[in-house]
Amino acid sequence: MMQVIFDQYGWEAAKANPLTQGLINQTFEVATQQGDFILQSINTQVFKDPFAIDQNIKSIGQYLRKHHPGLLFTHLVPNLVGETLIGWEGKYYRAFKKIEGLALDVLTHADQAKEAANQFGLFTASLVAYPIGELKSTIPQFHDLALRFHQFEKALIQGDGNRIKQAKEAILFLQSHQSYVDQWTKYTNHKDAILRVTHHDTKISNVLFKDDQAICVIDLDTTMPGYYISDIGDMCRTYLCPVNEECTDLNLIQMMPDRWTALQNGYLKAMGEFLTPFEKDHFTFSGQFIIYMQALRFLTDYLQLDQYYHTIRPSQNLDRTNNQIELLKQFNKLN
């Protein structure tokens, strides 16, 4: 059935193998006579405007080709008539040339944290002079903590009654830490908090590794104007703990100081010269803000019967919430 898509690219003897690592888009590795490609179907329930994503990736790719041609980047592959976004049967598809590398689910040592943080730092640093006004918001207010807290409060009123009861302890914890929302608002209103080209989803699986070296940032759908604390925060969320958000044994959740140091060193090596003193002062808040927000998002989705994140069991989003709450507690002990 996907032969219709293959034909639009002129791929011969194409064979598709589904990849399951991502939570949002449907992704395939496609082997063809012309080479190996990554083919994705964009989840339009999450990304309402796939054309905005397409434009962003093309625009950034063109800028990097001109100003930083040595930076490895997931450039879009045009089809036979030059299109980089293909509509078919109500879905939108795009393809990238496959870059040989490994996407990790969790880190195993601090050097990986430093490498990955440096790669995300290089990505933003390479785009410091990019005209930010040309970049579209692919998910408006994606990391707007005030909005996420409002959605959480709304879910407490309109969400599933049984799930609200089951999540009582998590609800109380998140309500008691609302001060993070006030701190976020003060940060974003400050004149020295600069809007930058920000990835917004810097979990470890969104950077490719080769021989323990981070070589390329991937999954750019959420790349849009934002604050650097978003990228640092998600790195804190995914790099500093030996297990990921799917771990249900809370005793395994801990923060590793050597990874925290490595993260800071890796990112600041690339971006340190571009950050304002005010921004640097909020390095630790980055982790608090994102971990707290992710707990809100998982719990909101749980109360709304799992409309956003893919789940395979009823309690999965609540388990993810409790995981993030424990992660936040451990992060605060670290600092």
C-alpha atoms as a PDB file:
ATOM      1  CA  MET A   1       0.000   0.000   0.000  1.00  0.00           C
ATOM      2  CA  MET A   2       2.913   2.353   0.702  1.00  0.00           C
ATOM      3  CA  GLN A   3       4.136   1.747  -2.836  1.00  0.00           C
ATOM      4  CA  VAL A   4       2.217   4.902  -3.797  1.00  0.00           C
ATOM      5  CA  ILE A   5       4.587   6.904  -1.601  1.00  0.00           C
ATOM      6  CA  PHE A   6       7.665   5.013  -2.782  1.00  0.00           C
ATOM      7  CA  ASP A   7       6.749   5.732  -6.406  1.00  0.00           C
ATOM      8  CA  GLN A   8       6.569   9.474  -5.717  1.00  0.00           C
ATOM      9  CA  TYR A   9      10.216   9.377  -4.644  1.00  0.00           C
ATOM     10  CA  GLY A  10      11.218   7.041  -7.444  1.00  0.00           C
ATOM     11  CA  TRP A  11      12.414   4.460  -4.939  1.00  0.00           C
ATOM     12  CA  GLU A  12      12.957   1.049  -6.489  1.00  0.00           C
ATOM     13  CA  ALA A  13      12.764  -2.303  -4.678  1.00  0.00           C
ATOM     14  CA  ALA A  14      11.753  -0.433  -1.544  1.00  0.00           C
ATOM     15  CA  LYS A  15      11.215  -2.308   1.702  1.00  0.00           C
ATOM     16  CA  ALA A  16       9.881  -0.547   4.807  1.00  0.00           C
ATOM     17  CA  ASN A  17      10.632  -1.553   8.395  1.00  0.00           C
ATOM     18  CA  PRO A  18       8.595   0.236  11.128  1.00  0.00           C
ATOM     19  CA  LEU A  19      10.529   1.903  13.954  1.00  0.00           C
ATOM     20  CA  THR A  20       8.888   2.110  17.375  1.00  0.00           C
ATOM     21  CA  GLN A  21      11.128   4.468  19.366  1.00  0.00           C
ATOM     22  CA  GLY A  22       9.121   7.667  18.928  1.00  0.00           C
ATOM     23  CA  LEU A  23       5.932   8.462  20.834  1.00  0.00           C
ATOM     24  CA  ILE A  24       4.275  10.753  18.271  1.00  0.00           C
ATOM     25  CA  ASN A  25       4.950  10.138  14.562  1.00  0.00           C
ATOM     26  CA  GLN A  26       4.805   6.870  12.632  1.00  0.00           C
ATOM     27  CA  THR A  27       8.308   6.167  11.349  1.00  0.00           C
ATOM     28  CA  PHE A  28       9.766   3.677   8.871  1.00  0.00           C
ATOM     29  CA  GLU A  29      13.268   2.810   7.780  1.00  0.00           C
ATOM     30  CA  VAL A  30      13.136   2.254   4.034  1.00  0.00           C
ATOM     31  CA  ALA A  31      15.813   0.327   2.136  1.00  0.00           C
ATOM     32  CA  THR A  32      15.884   1.059  -1.606  1.00  0.00           C
ATOM     33  CA  GLN A  33      18.191   0.683  -4.583  1.00  0.00           C
ATOM     34  CA  GLN A  34      18.857   4.415  -4.256  1.00  0.00           C
ATOM     35  CA  GLY A  35      19.946   4.097  -0.628  1.00  0.00           C
ATOM     36  CA  ASP A  36      18.386   4.025   2.833  1.00  0.00           C
ATOM     37  CA  PHE A  37      15.832   6.585   3.965  1.00  0.00           C
ATOM     38  CA  ILE A  38      13.703   7.486   6.981  1.00  0.00           C
ATOM     39  CA  LEU A  39      10.042   7.925   6.050  1.00  0.00           C
ATOM     40  CA  GLN A  40       7.602   9.493   8.508  1.00  0.00           C
ATOM     41  CA  SER A  41       3.881  10.034   8.672  1.00  0.00           C
ATOM     42  CA  ILE A  42       3.283  13.224  10.665  1.00  0.00           C
ATOM     43  CA  ASN A  43       0.789  12.976  13.510  1.00  0.00           C
ATOM     44  CA  THR A  44      -1.567  15.813  12.561  1.00  0.00           C
ATOM     45  CA  GLN A  45      -3.508  15.508  15.818  1.00  0.00           C
ATOM     46  CA  VAL A  46      -0.360  16.741  17.555  1.00  0.00           C
ATOM     47  CA  PHE A  47       1.065  18.864  14.740  1.00  0.00           C
ATOM     48  CA  LYS A  48      -1.903  20.745  13.314  1.00  0.00           C
ATOM     49  CA  ASP A  49       0.118  22.445  10.566  1.00  0.00           C
ATOM     50  CA  PRO A  50       2.535  19.998   8.905  1.00  0.00           C
ATOM     51  CA  PHE A  51       3.382  22.657   6.317  1.00  0.00           C
ATOM     52  CA  ALA A  52       4.849  24.839   9.092  1.00  0.00           C
ATOM     53  CA  ILE A  53       7.142  21.967  10.113  1.00  0.00           C
ATOM     54  CA  ASP A  54       8.119  21.420   6.482  1.00  0.00           C
ATOM     55  CA  GLN A  55       8.923  25.109   5.997  1.00  0.00           C
ATOM     56  CA  ASN A  56      10.940  25.304   9.224  1.00  0.00           C
ATOM     57  CA  ILE A  57      13.129  22.305   8.438  1.00  0.00           C
ATOM     58  CA  LYS A  58      13.714  23.453   4.858  1.00  0.00           C
ATOM     59  CA  SER A  59      14.522  27.016   5.946  1.00  0.00           C
ATOM     60  CA  ILE A  60      16.925  25.920   8.684  1.00  0.00           C
ATOM     61  CA  GLY A  61      18.508  23.413   6.323  1.00  0.00           C
ATOM     62  CA  GLN A  62      19.107  26.088   3.684  1.00  0.00           C
ATOM     63  CA  TYR A  63      20.614  28.424   6.282  1.00  0.00           C
ATOM     64  CA  LEU A  64      22.960  25.752   7.614  1.00  0.00           C
ATOM     65  CA  ARG A  65      24.038  24.700   4.111  1.00  0.00           C
ATOM     66  CA  LYS A  66      25.073  28.316   3.474  1.00  0.00           C
ATOM     67  CA  HIS A  67      26.583  29.283   6.837  1.00  0.00           C
ATOM     68  CA  HIS A  68      27.595  25.978   8.475  1.00  0.00           C
ATOM     69  CA  PRO A  69      27.984  23.428   5.662  1.00  0.00           C
ATOM     70  CA  GLY A  70      30.026  21.103   7.885  1.00  0.00           C
ATOM     71  CA  LEU A  71      27.213  20.622  10.409  1.00  0.00           C
ATOM     72  CA  LEU A  72      25.496  17.264   9.951  1.00  0.00           C
ATOM     73  CA  PHE A  73      21.769  17.884   9.497  1.00  0.00           C
ATOM     74  CA  THR A  74      18.673  15.856   8.630  1.00  0.00           C
ATOM     75  CA  HIS A  75      17.844  17.566   5.331  1.00  0.00           C
ATOM     76  CA  LEU A  76      14.482  16.745   3.784  1.00  0.00           C
ATOM     77  CA  VAL A  77      14.479  14.610   0.619  1.00  0.00           C
ATOM     78  CA  PRO A  78      12.367  16.017  -2.255  1.00  0.00           C
ATOM     79  CA  ASN A  79      10.185  13.691  -4.319  1.00  0.00           C
ATOM     80  CA  LEU A  80      10.337  13.493  -8.106  1.00  0.00           C
ATOM     81  CA  VAL A  81       8.524  16.832  -8.509  1.00  0.00           C
ATOM     82  CA  GLY A  82      10.472  18.628  -5.780  1.00  0.00           C
ATOM     83  CA  GLU A  83       7.959  18.339  -2.939  1.00  0.00           C
ATOM     84  CA  THR A  84       9.185  17.629   0.590  1.00  0.00           C
ATOM     85  CA  LEU A  85       5.721  17.040   2.063  1.00  0.00           C
ATOM     86  CA  ILE A  86       3.397  14.490   0.461  1.00  0.00           C
ATOM     87  CA  GLY A  87      -0.298  14.243   1.191  1.00  0.00           C
ATOM     88  CA  TRP A  88      -1.890  10.806   0.761  1.00  0.00           C
ATOM     89  CA  GLU A  89      -5.105   9.325   2.143  1.00  0.00           C
ATOM     90  CA  GLY A  90      -5.493  12.091   4.716  1.00  0.00           C
ATOM     91  CA  LYS A  91      -1.905  11.769   5.986  1.00  0.00           C
ATOM     92  CA  TYR A  92       1.272  13.732   5.357  1.00  0.00           C
ATOM     93  CA  TYR A  93       4.603  12.051   4.687  1.00  0.00           C
ATOM     94  CA  ARG A  94       8.189  13.289   4.469  1.00  0.00           C
ATOM     95  CA  ALA A  95      11.531  11.572   4.005  1.00  0.00           C
ATOM     96  CA  PHE A  96      15.103  12.084   5.156  1.00  0.00           C
ATOM     97  CA  LYS A  97      18.289  10.451   3.968  1.00  0.00           C
ATOM     98  CA  LYS A  98      19.200   7.960   6.670  1.00  0.00           C
ATOM     99  CA  ILE A  99      22.168   9.023   8.789  1.00  0.00           C
ATOM    100  CA  GLU A 100      24.053   6.076  10.225  1.00  0.00           C
ATOM    101  CA  GLY A 101      23.990   6.352  13.976  1.00  0.00           C
ATOM    102  CA  LEU A 102      22.420   5.073  17.160  1.00  0.00           C
ATOM    103  CA  ALA A 103      19.557   6.733  19.035  1.00  0.00           C
ATOM    104  CA  LEU A 104      19.750   5.898  22.737  1.00  0.00           C
ATOM    105  CA  ASP A 105      16.814   5.398  25.086  1.00  0.00           C
ATOM    106  CA  VAL A 106      18.930   6.102  28.171  1.00  0.00           C
ATOM    107  CA  LEU A 107      22.536   7.104  28.764  1.00  0.00           C
ATOM    108  CA  THR A 108      25.100   4.790  30.290  1.00  0.00           C
ATOM    109  CA  HIS A 109      27.823   7.290  31.237  1.00  0.00           C
ATOM    110  CA  ALA A 110      28.508  10.986  31.737  1.00  0.00           C
ATOM    111  CA  ASP A 111      30.489  11.486  28.511  1.00  0.00           C
ATOM    112  CA  GLN A 112      27.303  10.794  26.551  1.00  0.00           C
ATOM    113  CA  ALA A 113      25.552  13.588  28.435  1.00  0.00           C
ATOM    114  CA  LYS A 114      28.374  15.972  27.594  1.00  0.00           C
ATOM    115  CA  GLU A 115      28.399  14.921  23.922  1.00  0.00           C
ATOM    116  CA  ALA A 116      24.650  15.233  23.483  1.00  0.00           C
ATOM    117  CA  ALA A 117      24.407  18.551  25.327  1.00  0.00           C
ATOM    118  CA  ASN A 118      27.218  19.901  23.185  1.00  0.00           C
ATOM    119  CA  GLN A 119      25.438  18.797  20.009  1.00  0.00           C
ATOM    120  CA  PHE A 120      22.203  20.543  20.988  1.00  0.00           C
ATOM    121  CA  GLY A 121      24.241  23.585  22.002  1.00  0.00           C
ATOM    122  CA  LEU A 122      25.964  23.599  18.622  1.00  0.00           C
ATOM    123  CA  PHE A 123      22.585  23.415  16.907  1.00  0.00           C
ATOM    124  CA  THR A 124      21.302  26.551  18.659  1.00  0.00           C
ATOM    125  CA  ALA A 125      24.673  28.322  18.450  1.00  0.00           C
ATOM    126  CA  SER A 126      24.842  27.718  14.701  1.00  0.00           C
ATOM    127  CA  LEU A 127      21.478  29.450  14.371  1.00  0.00           C
ATOM    128  CA  VAL A 128      22.155  32.481  16.608  1.00  0.00           C
ATOM    129  CA  ALA A 129      22.056  34.764  13.554  1.00  0.00           C
ATOM    130  CA  TYR A 130      19.135  32.983  11.909  1.00  0.00           C
ATOM    131  CA  PRO A 131      16.184  35.380  11.375  1.00  0.00           C
ATOM    132  CA  ILE A 132      13.961  34.149  14.198  1.00  0.00           C
ATOM    133  CA  GLY A 133      10.908  35.868  12.736  1.00  0.00           C
ATOM    134  CA  GLU A 134      10.911  33.416   9.832  1.00  0.00           C
ATOM    135  CA  LEU A 135      10.522  30.408  12.136  1.00  0.00           C
ATOM    136  CA  LYS A 136       6.970  29.223  12.677  1.00  0.00           C
ATOM    137  CA  SER A 137       5.565  27.853  15.945  1.00  0.00           C
ATOM    138  CA  THR A 138       4.657  24.260  15.131  1.00  0.00           C
ATOM    139  CA  ILE A 139       2.899  23.738  18.479  1.00  0.00           C
ATOM    140  CA  PRO A 140       1.858  27.176  19.771  1.00  0.00           C
ATOM    141  CA  GLN A 141       2.614  27.647  23.491  1.00  0.00           C
ATOM    142  CA  PHE A 142       4.266  24.207  23.602  1.00  0.00           C
ATOM    143  CA  HIS A 143       6.366  25.038  26.676  1.00  0.00           C
ATOM    144  CA  ASP A 144       4.060  27.684  28.121  1.00  0.00           C
ATOM    145  CA  LEU A 145       4.023  26.498  31.729  1.00  0.00           C
ATOM    146  CA  ALA A 146       1.105  28.770  32.626  1.00  0.00           C
ATOM    147  CA  LEU A 147      -0.941  27.186  29.843  1.00  0.00           C
ATOM    148  CA  ARG A 148       0.042  23.652  30.917  1.00  0.00           C
ATOM    149  CA  PHE A 149      -1.010  24.386  34.491  1.00  0.00           C
ATOM    150  CA  HIS A 150      -4.312  25.804  33.250  1.00  0.00           C
ATOM    151  CA  GLN A 151      -4.892  22.646  31.189  1.00  0.00           C
ATOM    152  CA  PHE A 152      -4.137  20.590  34.281  1.00  0.00           C
ATOM    153  CA  GLU A 153      -6.678  22.574  36.331  1.00  0.00           C
ATOM    154  CA  LYS A 154      -9.248  22.150  33.571  1.00  0.00           C
ATOM    155  CA  ALA A 155      -8.654  18.388  33.537  1.00  0.00           C
ATOM    156  CA  LEU A 156      -9.328  18.319  37.286  1.00  0.00           C
ATOM    157  CA  ILE A 157     -12.814  19.641  36.528  1.00  0.00           C
ATOM    158  CA  GLN A 158     -13.618  17.892  33.237  1.00  0.00           C
ATOM    159  CA  GLY A 159     -11.464  14.777  33.447  1.00  0.00           C
ATOM    160  CA  ASP A 160     -12.428  11.192  34.234  1.00  0.00           C
ATOM    161  CA  GLY A 161     -13.723  10.946  37.810  1.00  0.00           C
ATOM    162  CA  ASN A 162     -12.211   7.564  38.598  1.00  0.00           C
ATOM    163  CA  ARG A 163      -8.815   8.615  37.321  1.00  0.00           C
ATOM    164  CA  ILE A 164      -8.944  11.820  39.366  1.00  0.00           C
ATOM    165  CA  LYS A 165      -9.436   9.689  42.485  1.00  0.00           C
ATOM    166  CA  GLN A 166      -6.599   7.341  41.518  1.00  0.00           C
ATOM    167  CA  ALA A 167      -4.242  10.264  40.945  1.00  0.00           C
ATOM    168  CA  LYS A 168      -5.054  12.173  44.143  1.00  0.00           C
ATOM    169  CA  GLU A 169      -1.521  12.091  45.588  1.00  0.00           C
ATOM    170  CA  ALA A 170       0.090  13.230  42.337  1.00  0.00           C
ATOM    171  CA  ILE A 171      -2.504  15.992  41.955  1.00  0.00           C
ATOM    172  CA  LEU A 172      -1.772  17.368  45.422  1.00  0.00           C
ATOM    173  CA  PHE A 173       1.976  17.375  44.805  1.00  0.00           C
ATOM    174  CA  LEU A 174       1.694  19.291  41.541  1.00  0.00           C
ATOM    175  CA  GLN A 175      -0.717  21.797  43.050  1.00  0.00           C
ATOM    176  CA  SER A 176       1.696  22.424  45.930  1.00  0.00           C
ATOM    177  CA  HIS A 177       4.507  23.361  43.521  1.00  0.00           C
ATOM    178  CA  GLN A 178       2.629  26.002  41.539  1.00  0.00           C
ATOM    179  CA  SER A 179       5.376  28.534  42.397  1.00  0.00           C
ATOM    180  CA  TYR A 180       7.321  27.165  39.416  1.00  0.00           C
ATOM    181  CA  VAL A 181       4.660  28.718  37.180  1.00  0.00           C
ATOM    182  CA  ASP A 182       5.254  32.155  38.714  1.00  0.00           C
ATOM    183  CA  GLN A 183       9.005  31.771  38.310  1.00  0.00           C
ATOM    184  CA  TRP A 184       8.586  30.781  34.665  1.00  0.00           C
ATOM    185  CA  THR A 185       6.409  33.818  33.990  1.00  0.00           C
ATOM    186  CA  LYS A 186       9.007  36.153  35.516  1.00  0.00           C
ATOM    187  CA  TYR A 187      11.740  34.541  33.430  1.00  0.00           C
ATOM    188  CA  THR A 188       9.920  34.828  30.102  1.00  0.00           C
ATOM    189  CA  ASN A 189       9.012  38.452  30.771  1.00  0.00           C
ATOM    190  CA  HIS A 190      12.627  39.454  31.498  1.00  0.00           C
ATOM    191  CA  LYS A 191      14.447  41.525  28.876  1.00  0.00           C
ATOM    192  CA  ASP A 192      17.562  39.316  29.036  1.00  0.00           C
ATOM    193  CA  ALA A 193      15.686  36.092  28.300  1.00  0.00           C
ATOM    194  CA  ILE A 194      16.219  35.848  24.550  1.00  0.00           C
ATOM    195  CA  LEU A 195      14.077  34.007  22.026  1.00  0.00           C
ATOM    196  CA  ARG A 196      16.287  31.558  20.134  1.00  0.00           C
ATOM    197  CA  VAL A 197      15.994  28.699  17.647  1.00  0.00           C
ATOM    198  CA  THR A 198      15.213  26.032  20.202  1.00  0.00           C
ATOM    199  CA  HIS A 199      14.732  22.293  19.639  1.00  0.00           C
ATOM    200  CA  HIS A 200      12.189  21.886  22.471  1.00  0.00           C
ATOM    201  CA  ASP A 201      12.508  18.088  22.681  1.00  0.00           C
ATOM    202  CA  THR A 202      16.122  17.325  23.601  1.00  0.00           C
ATOM    203  CA  LYS A 203      15.617  13.876  25.091  1.00  0.00           C
ATOM    204  CA  ILE A 204      18.533  11.569  24.465  1.00  0.00           C
ATOM    205  CA  SER A 205      16.765   9.677  21.674  1.00  0.00           C
ATOM    206  CA  ASN A 206      16.733  12.873  19.591  1.00  0.00           C
ATOM    207  CA  VAL A 207      20.478  12.955  19.008  1.00  0.00           C
ATOM    208  CA  LEU A 208      22.368  10.333  17.037  1.00  0.00           C
ATOM    209  CA  PHE A 209      25.538   8.730  18.390  1.00  0.00           C
ATOM    210  CA  LYS A 210      28.398   7.021  16.648  1.00  0.00           C
ATOM    211  CA  ASP A 211      31.195   5.440  18.697  1.00  0.00           C
ATOM    212  CA  ASP A 212      30.097   7.357  21.822  1.00  0.00           C
ATOM    213  CA  GLN A 213      30.198  10.661  19.953  1.00  0.00           C
ATOM    214  CA  ALA A 214      27.044  12.702  19.365  1.00  0.00           C
ATOM    215  CA  ILE A 215      26.967  13.439  15.643  1.00  0.00           C
ATOM    216  CA  CYS A 216      23.587  14.908  14.755  1.00  0.00           C
ATOM    217  CA  VAL A 217      20.406  16.375  16.222  1.00  0.00           C
ATOM    218  CA  ILE A 218      17.244  14.731  14.867  1.00  0.00           C
ATOM    219  CA  ASP A 219      13.437  15.044  15.129  1.00  0.00           C
ATOM    220  CA  LEU A 220      13.039  18.764  14.449  1.00  0.00           C
ATOM    221  CA  ASP A 221       9.237  18.972  14.435  1.00  0.00           C
ATOM    222  CA  THR A 222       9.189  21.034  17.640  1.00  0.00           C
ATOM    223  CA  THR A 223      12.034  23.331  16.570  1.00  0.00           C
ATOM    224  CA  MET A 224      10.679  26.871  16.842  1.00  0.00           C
ATOM    225  CA  PRO A 225      11.301  30.155  18.658  1.00  0.00           C
ATOM    226  CA  GLY A 226      11.779  29.519  22.363  1.00  0.00           C
ATOM    227  CA  TYR A 227      13.985  29.882  25.423  1.00  0.00           C
ATOM    228  CA  TYR A 228      17.141  27.916  25.966  1.00  0.00           C
ATOM    229  CA  ILE A 229      15.851  26.701  29.337  1.00  0.00           C
ATOM    230  CA  SER A 230      13.488  24.444  27.403  1.00  0.00           C
ATOM    231  CA  ASP A 231      16.380  22.538  25.861  1.00  0.00           C
ATOM    232  CA  ILE A 232      18.448  22.388  29.047  1.00  0.00           C
ATOM    233  CA  GLY A 233      15.415  21.296  31.016  1.00  0.00           C
ATOM    234  CA  ASP A 234      14.590  18.353  28.799  1.00  0.00           C
ATOM    235  CA  MET A 235      18.238  17.300  28.904  1.00  0.00           C
ATOM    236  CA  CYS A 236      18.072  17.370  32.701  1.00  0.00           C
ATOM    237  CA  ARG A 237      14.932  15.297  32.482  1.00  0.00           C
ATOM    238  CA  THR A 238      16.448  12.589  30.299  1.00  0.00           C
ATOM    239  CA  TYR A 239      20.218  12.636  30.869  1.00  0.00           C
ATOM    240  CA  LEU A 240      20.720  12.778  34.626  1.00  0.00           C
ATOM    241  CA  CYS A 241      18.820   9.648  35.640  1.00  0.00           C
ATOM    242  CA  PRO A 242      19.887   6.083  34.755  1.00  0.00           C
ATOM    243  CA  VAL A 243      16.298   5.112  33.821  1.00  0.00           C
ATOM    244  CA  ASN A 244      13.745   6.801  31.579  1.00  0.00           C
ATOM    245  CA  GLU A 245      10.180   7.990  32.099  1.00  0.00           C
ATOM    246  CA  GLU A 246       8.764   4.484  31.585  1.00  0.00           C
ATOM    247  CA  CYS A 247      10.409   3.120  34.748  1.00  0.00           C
ATOM    248  CA  THR A 248       7.796   2.205  37.359  1.00  0.00           C
ATOM    249  CA  ASP A 249      10.254   1.331  40.170  1.00  0.00           C
ATOM    250  CA  LEU A 250      10.681   4.727  41.819  1.00  0.00           C
ATOM    251  CA  ASN A 251      13.631   3.430  43.845  1.00  0.00           C
ATOM    252  CA  LEU A 252      15.663   3.338  40.627  1.00  0.00           C
ATOM    253  CA  ILE A 253      15.146   7.053  40.006  1.00  0.00           C
ATOM    254  CA  GLN A 254      18.183   9.040  41.076  1.00  0.00           C
ATOM    255  CA  MET A 255      20.240  11.958  39.820  1.00  0.00           C
ATOM    256  CA  MET A 256      23.887  11.485  38.901  1.00  0.00           C
ATOM    257  CA  PRO A 257      26.045  14.532  39.719  1.00  0.00           C
ATOM    258  CA  ASP A 258      28.730  13.661  37.167  1.00  0.00           C
ATOM    259  CA  ARG A 259      26.145  13.784  34.383  1.00  0.00           C
ATOM    260  CA  TRP A 260      24.871  17.155  35.636  1.00  0.00           C
ATOM    261  CA  THR A 261      28.407  18.560  35.442  1.00  0.00           C
ATOM    262  CA  ALA A 262      28.925  16.973  32.029  1.00  0.00           C
ATOM    263  CA  LEU A 263      25.673  18.429  30.695  1.00  0.00           C
ATOM    264  CA  GLN A 264      26.633  21.933  31.790  1.00  0.00           C
ATOM    265  CA  ASN A 265      30.151  21.643  30.360  1.00  0.00           C
ATOM    266  CA  GLY A 266      28.953  20.250  27.038  1.00  0.00           C
ATOM    267  CA  TYR A 267      26.250  22.821  26.446  1.00  0.00           C
ATOM    268  CA  LEU A 268      28.185  25.845  27.671  1.00  0.00           C
ATOM    269  CA  LYS A 269      31.163  24.899  25.513  1.00  0.00           C
ATOM    270  CA  ALA A 270      28.952  25.582  22.490  1.00  0.00           C
ATOM    271  CA  MET A 271      26.521  28.205  23.802  1.00  0.00           C
ATOM    272  CA  GLY A 272      28.265  29.860  26.758  1.00  0.00           C
ATOM    273  CA  GLU A 273      29.438  32.889  24.813  1.00  0.00           C
ATOM    274  CA  PHE A 274      25.912  33.608  23.550  1.00  0.00           C
ATOM    275  CA  LEU A 275      23.942  33.333  26.816  1.00  0.00           C
ATOM    276  CA  THR A 276      23.250  36.414  28.940  1.00  0.00           C
ATOM    277  CA  PRO A 277      24.227  36.330  32.646  1.00  0.00           C
ATOM    278  CA  PHE A 278      20.508  36.261  33.482  1.00  0.00           C
ATOM    279  CA  GLU A 279      20.024  33.178  31.307  1.00  0.00           C
ATOM    280  CA  LYS A 280      22.993  31.416  32.870  1.00  0.00           C
ATOM    281  CA  ASP A 281      21.560  32.105  36.341  1.00  0.00           C
ATOM    282  CA  HIS A 282      18.541  29.959  35.395  1.00  0.00           C
ATOM    283  CA  PHE A 283      20.417  26.811  34.425  1.00  0.00           C
ATOM    284  CA  THR A 284      19.079  24.905  37.440  1.00  0.00           C
ATOM    285  CA  PHE A 285      15.572  26.294  37.040  1.00  0.00           C
ATOM    286  CA  SER A 286      15.601  24.785  33.542  1.00  0.00           C
ATOM    287  CA  GLY A 287      15.414  21.304  35.023  1.00  0.00           C
ATOM    288  CA  GLN A 288      12.775  22.194  37.596  1.00  0.00           C
ATOM    289  CA  PHE A 289      10.570  23.887  35.027  1.00  0.00           C
ATOM    290  CA  ILE A 290      10.625  21.095  32.454  1.00  0.00           C
ATOM    291  CA  ILE A 291      10.356  18.142  34.819  1.00  0.00           C
ATOM    292  CA  TYR A 292       7.442  19.796  36.591  1.00  0.00           C
ATOM    293  CA  MET A 293       5.781  20.635  33.271  1.00  0.00           C
ATOM    294  CA  GLN A 294       6.218  17.113  31.954  1.00  0.00           C
ATOM    295  CA  ALA A 295       4.573  15.723  35.087  1.00  0.00           C
ATOM    296  CA  LEU A 296       1.673  18.125  34.491  1.00  0.00           C
ATOM    297  CA  ARG A 297       1.361  17.021  30.878  1.00  0.00           C
ATOM    298  CA  PHE A 298       1.442  13.305  31.630  1.00  0.00           C
ATOM    299  CA  LEU A 299      -1.140  13.699  34.393  1.00  0.00           C
ATOM    300  CA  THR A 300      -3.394  15.956  32.318  1.00  0.00           C
ATOM    301  CA  ASP A 301      -3.354  13.362  29.545  1.00  0.00           C
ATOM    302  CA  TYR A 302      -4.091  10.589  32.052  1.00  0.00           C
ATOM    303  CA  LEU A 303      -7.121  12.472  33.400  1.00  0.00           C
ATOM    304  CA  GLN A 304      -8.321  13.059  29.833  1.00  0.00           C
ATOM    305  CA  LEU A 305      -8.122   9.337  28.960  1.00  0.00           C
ATOM    306  CA  ASP A 306      -4.803   9.357  27.079  1.00  0.00           C
ATOM    307  CA  GLN A 307      -5.519  11.547  24.072  1.00  0.00           C
ATOM    308  CA  TYR A 308      -1.947  12.730  23.426  1.00  0.00           C
ATOM    309  CA  TYR A 309       0.744  10.264  24.490  1.00  0.00           C
ATOM    310  CA  HIS A 310       0.749   6.739  23.139  1.00  0.00           C
ATOM    311  CA  THR A 311      -0.065   4.190  25.830  1.00  0.00           C
ATOM    312  CA  ILE A 312      -0.311   0.403  25.947  1.00  0.00           C
ATOM    313  CA  ARG A 313      -1.926   0.115  29.383  1.00  0.00           C
ATOM    314  CA  PRO A 314      -4.474   2.233  31.322  1.00  0.00           C
ATOM    315  CA  SER A 315      -2.162   3.456  34.109  1.00  0.00           C
ATOM    316  CA  GLN A 316       0.839   4.278  31.920  1.00  0.00           C
ATOM    317  CA  ASN A 317       0.461   8.070  31.962  1.00  0.00           C
ATOM    318  CA  LEU A 318      -0.078   8.049  35.734  1.00  0.00           C
ATOM    319  CA  ASP A 319       3.050   5.929  36.120  1.00  0.00           C
ATOM    320  CA  ARG A 320       4.918   8.419  33.948  1.00  0.00           C
ATOM    321  CA  THR A 321       3.611  11.239  36.149  1.00  0.00           C
ATOM    322  CA  ASN A 322       4.818   9.595  39.360  1.00  0.00           C
ATOM    323  CA  ASN A 323       8.142   8.937  37.683  1.00  0.00           C
ATOM    324  CA  GLN A 324       8.550  12.641  36.875  1.00  0.00           C
ATOM    325  CA  ILE A 325       7.477  13.717  40.363  1.00  0.00           C
ATOM    326  CA  GLU A 326      10.166  11.515  41.885  1.00  0.00           C
ATOM    327  CA  LEU A 327      12.643  12.824  39.320  1.00  0.00           C
ATOM    328  CA  LEU A 328      11.860  16.393  40.371  1.00  0.00           C
ATOM    329  CA  LYS A 329      12.379  15.507  44.043  1.00  0.00           C
ATOM    330  CA  GLN A 330      15.754  13.945  43.245  1.00  0.00           C
ATOM    331  CA  PHE A 331      16.789  16.878  41.036  1.00  0.00           C
ATOM    332  CA  ASN A 332      16.059  19.316  43.856  1.00  0.00           C
ATOM    333  CA  LYS A 333      18.241  17.235  46.196  1.00  0.00           C
ATOM    334  CA  LEU A 334      21.031  17.479  43.645  1.00  0.00           C
ATOM    335  CA  ASN A 335      20.837  21.271  43.744  1.00  0.00           C
END
